[in-house]
C-alpha atoms as a PDB file:
ATOM      1  CA  UNK A   1      22.670-155.046  48.492  1.00  0.00           C
ATOM      2  CA  UNK A   2      19.298-155.197  46.716  1.00  0.00           C
ATOM      3  CA  UNK A   3      18.219-158.259  44.777  1.00  0.00           C
ATOM      4  CA  UNK A   4      17.631-157.700  41.057  1.00  0.00           C
ATOM      5  CA  UNK A   5      14.596-159.262  39.377  1.00  0.00           C
ATOM      6  CA  UNK A   6      15.516-162.533  37.704  1.00  0.00           C
ATOM      7  CA  UNK A   7      12.744-165.114  37.847  1.00  0.00           C
ATOM      8  CA  UNK A   8       9.202-164.097  36.944  1.00  0.00           C
ATOM      9  CA  UNK A   9       6.070-166.218  37.358  1.00  0.00           C
ATOM     10  CA  UNK A  10       2.975-165.554  35.263  1.00  0.00           C
ATOM     11  CA  UNK A  11      -0.491-166.523  36.507  1.00  0.00           C
ATOM     12  CA  UNK A  12      -3.623-166.380  34.344  1.00  0.00           C
ATOM     13  CA  UNK A  13      -6.813-166.418  36.433  1.00  0.00           C
ATOM     14  CA  UNK A  14      -4.840-167.936  39.305  1.00  0.00           C
ATOM     15  CA  UNK A  15      -3.205-170.738  37.280  1.00  0.00           C
ATOM     16  CA  UNK A  16       0.603-170.733  37.150  1.00  0.00           C
ATOM     17  CA  UNK A  17       1.796-170.800  33.540  1.00  0.00           C
ATOM     18  CA  UNK A  18       4.910-172.479  32.116  1.00  0.00           C
ATOM     19  CA  UNK A  19       6.440-169.124  31.224  1.00  0.00           C
ATOM     20  CA  UNK A  20      10.007-169.086  30.011  1.00  0.00           C
ATOM     21  CA  UNK A  21      12.770-166.649  30.886  1.00  0.00           C
ATOM     22  CA  UNK A  22      12.374-163.110  29.567  1.00  0.00           C
ATOM     23  CA  UNK A  23       8.776-162.171  30.439  1.00  0.00           C
ATOM     24  CA  UNK A  24       8.139-158.417  30.284  1.00  0.00           C
ATOM     25  CA  UNK A  25       5.625-156.066  31.874  1.00  0.00           C
ATOM     26  CA  UNK A  26       4.738-152.574  30.706  1.00  0.00           C
ATOM     27  CA  UNK A  27       2.839-151.236  33.703  1.00  0.00           C
ATOM     28  CA  UNK A  28       0.584-148.843  31.845  1.00  0.00           C
ATOM     29  CA  UNK A  29      -0.847-145.807  33.589  1.00  0.00           C
ATOM     30  CA  UNK A  30      -0.953-142.214  32.438  1.00  0.00           C
ATOM     31  CA  UNK A  31       0.824-140.849  29.396  1.00  0.00           C
ATOM     32  CA  UNK A  32       1.277-137.094  29.362  1.00  0.00           C
ATOM     33  CA  UNK A  33       1.742-134.765  26.424  1.00  0.00           C
ATOM     34  CA  UNK A  34       2.767-131.117  26.564  1.00  0.00           C
ATOM     35  CA  UNK A  35       0.309-128.450  25.412  1.00  0.00           C
ATOM     36  CA  UNK A  36       2.338-125.655  23.861  1.00  0.00           C
ATOM     37  CA  UNK A  37       2.072-122.348  22.054  1.00  0.00           C
ATOM     38  CA  UNK A  38       4.641-119.627  22.650  1.00  0.00           C
ATOM     39  CA  UNK A  39       5.412-121.531  25.888  1.00  0.00           C
ATOM     40  CA  UNK A  40       4.375-124.691  27.674  1.00  0.00           C
ATOM     41  CA  UNK A  41       0.816-124.174  28.972  1.00  0.00           C
ATOM     42  CA  UNK A  42       0.393-127.499  30.679  1.00  0.00           C
ATOM     43  CA  UNK A  43      -0.252-131.073  29.705  1.00  0.00           C
ATOM     44  CA  UNK A  44      -2.948-133.554  28.806  1.00  0.00           C
ATOM     45  CA  UNK A  45      -3.236-137.113  30.057  1.00  0.00           C
ATOM     46  CA  UNK A  46      -4.527-140.332  28.590  1.00  0.00           C
ATOM     47  CA  UNK A  47      -4.693-143.821  30.037  1.00  0.00           C
ATOM     48  CA  UNK A  48      -2.279-146.351  28.577  1.00  0.00           C
ATOM     49  CA  UNK A  49      -3.035-150.068  29.052  1.00  0.00           C
ATOM     50  CA  UNK A  50      -0.578-152.428  30.663  1.00  0.00           C
ATOM     51  CA  UNK A  51       1.066-155.066  28.480  1.00  0.00           C
ATOM     52  CA  UNK A  52       2.536-158.449  29.382  1.00  0.00           C
ATOM     53  CA  UNK A  53       4.669-160.480  26.954  1.00  0.00           C
ATOM     54  CA  UNK A  54       5.883-163.971  27.720  1.00  0.00           C
ATOM     55  CA  UNK A  55       6.782-167.209  25.990  1.00  0.00           C
ATOM     56  CA  UNK A  56       4.978-170.351  27.084  1.00  0.00           C
ATOM     57  CA  UNK A  57       6.768-173.662  26.993  1.00  0.00           C
ATOM     58  CA  UNK A  58       4.409-175.395  24.560  1.00  0.00           C
ATOM     59  CA  UNK A  59       3.522-178.963  25.562  1.00  0.00           C
ATOM     60  CA  UNK A  60       0.858-181.456  24.541  1.00  0.00           C
ATOM     61  CA  UNK A  61      -1.500-180.070  27.196  1.00  0.00           C
ATOM     62  CA  UNK A  62      -1.089-176.370  26.280  1.00  0.00           C
ATOM     63  CA  UNK A  63      -4.464-175.119  25.029  1.00  0.00           C
ATOM     64  CA  UNK A  64      -3.438-172.300  22.691  1.00  0.00           C
ATOM     65  CA  UNK A  65      -7.004-171.882  21.424  1.00  0.00           C
ATOM     66  CA  UNK A  66      -8.162-171.166  24.980  1.00  0.00           C
ATOM     67  CA  UNK A  67      -5.354-168.621  25.366  1.00  0.00           C
ATOM     68  CA  UNK A  68      -6.336-166.999  22.045  1.00  0.00           C
ATOM     69  CA  UNK A  69      -9.897-166.479  23.340  1.00  0.00           C
ATOM     70  CA  UNK A  70      -8.986-164.996  26.742  1.00  0.00           C
ATOM     71  CA  UNK A  71     -10.829-161.819  27.733  1.00  0.00           C
ATOM     72  CA  UNK A  72     -11.580-160.290  31.132  1.00  0.00           C
ATOM     73  CA  UNK A  73      -8.697-162.250  32.664  1.00  0.00           C
ATOM     74  CA  UNK A  74      -6.600-161.395  35.688  1.00  0.00           C
ATOM     75  CA  UNK A  75      -2.863-161.601  35.040  1.00  0.00           C
ATOM     76  CA  UNK A  76      -0.434-161.787  37.947  1.00  0.00           C
ATOM     77  CA  UNK A  77       3.201-160.920  37.235  1.00  0.00           C
ATOM     78  CA  UNK A  78       5.179-162.166  40.239  1.00  0.00           C
ATOM     79  CA  UNK A  79       8.881-161.360  40.609  1.00  0.00           C
ATOM     80  CA  UNK A  80      11.469-163.143  42.720  1.00  0.00           C
ATOM     81  CA  UNK A  81      12.214-159.827  44.445  1.00  0.00           C
ATOM     82  CA  UNK A  82       8.854-159.986  46.220  1.00  0.00           C
ATOM     83  CA  UNK A  83       6.961-157.553  44.000  1.00  0.00           C
ATOM     84  CA  UNK A  84       3.731-158.683  42.383  1.00  0.00           C
ATOM     85  CA  UNK A  85       1.670-156.769  39.840  1.00  0.00           C
ATOM     86  CA  UNK A  86      -1.978-157.442  38.943  1.00  0.00           C
ATOM     87  CA  UNK A  87      -3.569-156.615  35.604  1.00  0.00           C
ATOM     88  CA  UNK A  88      -7.351-156.880  35.480  1.00  0.00           C
ATOM     89  CA  UNK A  89      -9.639-157.017  32.434  1.00  0.00           C
ATOM     90  CA  UNK A  90      -6.766-158.473  30.422  1.00  0.00           C
ATOM     91  CA  UNK A  91      -7.182-159.929  26.951  1.00  0.00           C
ATOM     92  CA  UNK A  92      -4.980-161.723  24.452  1.00  0.00           C
ATOM     93  CA  UNK A  93      -4.019-159.262  21.711  1.00  0.00           C
ATOM     94  CA  UNK A  94      -3.262-161.704  18.901  1.00  0.00           C
ATOM     95  CA  UNK A  95      -3.415-165.441  18.206  1.00  0.00           C
ATOM     96  CA  UNK A  96      -0.610-167.601  19.598  1.00  0.00           C
ATOM     97  CA  UNK A  97       2.123-168.824  17.289  1.00  0.00           C
ATOM     98  CA  UNK A  98       3.501-172.259  18.136  1.00  0.00           C
ATOM     99  CA  UNK A  99       7.164-172.529  17.189  1.00  0.00           C
ATOM    100  CA  UNK A 100       9.444-175.536  16.923  1.00  0.00           C
ATOM    101  CA  UNK A 101      11.544-175.772  20.048  1.00  0.00           C
ATOM    102  CA  UNK A 102       8.510-175.307  22.287  1.00  0.00           C
ATOM    103  CA  UNK A 103       8.089-171.523  22.289  1.00  0.00           C
ATOM    104  CA  UNK A 104       4.608-170.033  22.172  1.00  0.00           C
ATOM    105  CA  UNK A 105       4.702-166.215  22.473  1.00  0.00           C
ATOM    106  CA  UNK A 106       1.733-164.612  24.279  1.00  0.00           C
ATOM    107  CA  UNK A 107       0.852-160.914  24.469  1.00  0.00           C
ATOM    108  CA  UNK A 108      -1.880-159.605  26.743  1.00  0.00           C
ATOM    109  CA  UNK A 109      -3.133-156.105  27.546  1.00  0.00           C
ATOM    110  CA  UNK A 110      -5.423-154.814  30.243  1.00  0.00           C
ATOM    111  CA  UNK A 111      -6.005-152.152  32.876  1.00  0.00           C
ATOM    112  CA  UNK A 112      -2.920-150.391  34.225  1.00  0.00           C
ATOM    113  CA  UNK A 113      -1.049-152.662  36.617  1.00  0.00           C
ATOM    114  CA  UNK A 114      -1.405-152.283  40.371  1.00  0.00           C
ATOM    115  CA  UNK A 115       1.005-153.582  42.966  1.00  0.00           C
ATOM    116  CA  UNK A 116      -0.462-156.394  45.033  1.00  0.00           C
END
């Protein structure tokens, strides 16, 4: 029986983050759209960036300003099933919001993910 992904580890430029349960990865890649007239003639493609969302456990040594300014980062999304995805040229899409209870949501986008 196959193992189902449960635990995910997030690395930013090689540093393991204190990510909480529920991290998500949109792998990005090619998005296709039909070209039609009186029938379907074919399709067009465009590149869609990858997107990673995760909550950091905010502590006194979490530098949210550094995270806000991240560009050209490498994000590693490592699953407990043995699959690892790399996103290069990643950047933070919006400033971090620190919430009571220790949550700090982070969203990053970059090149389409590749399997490591």
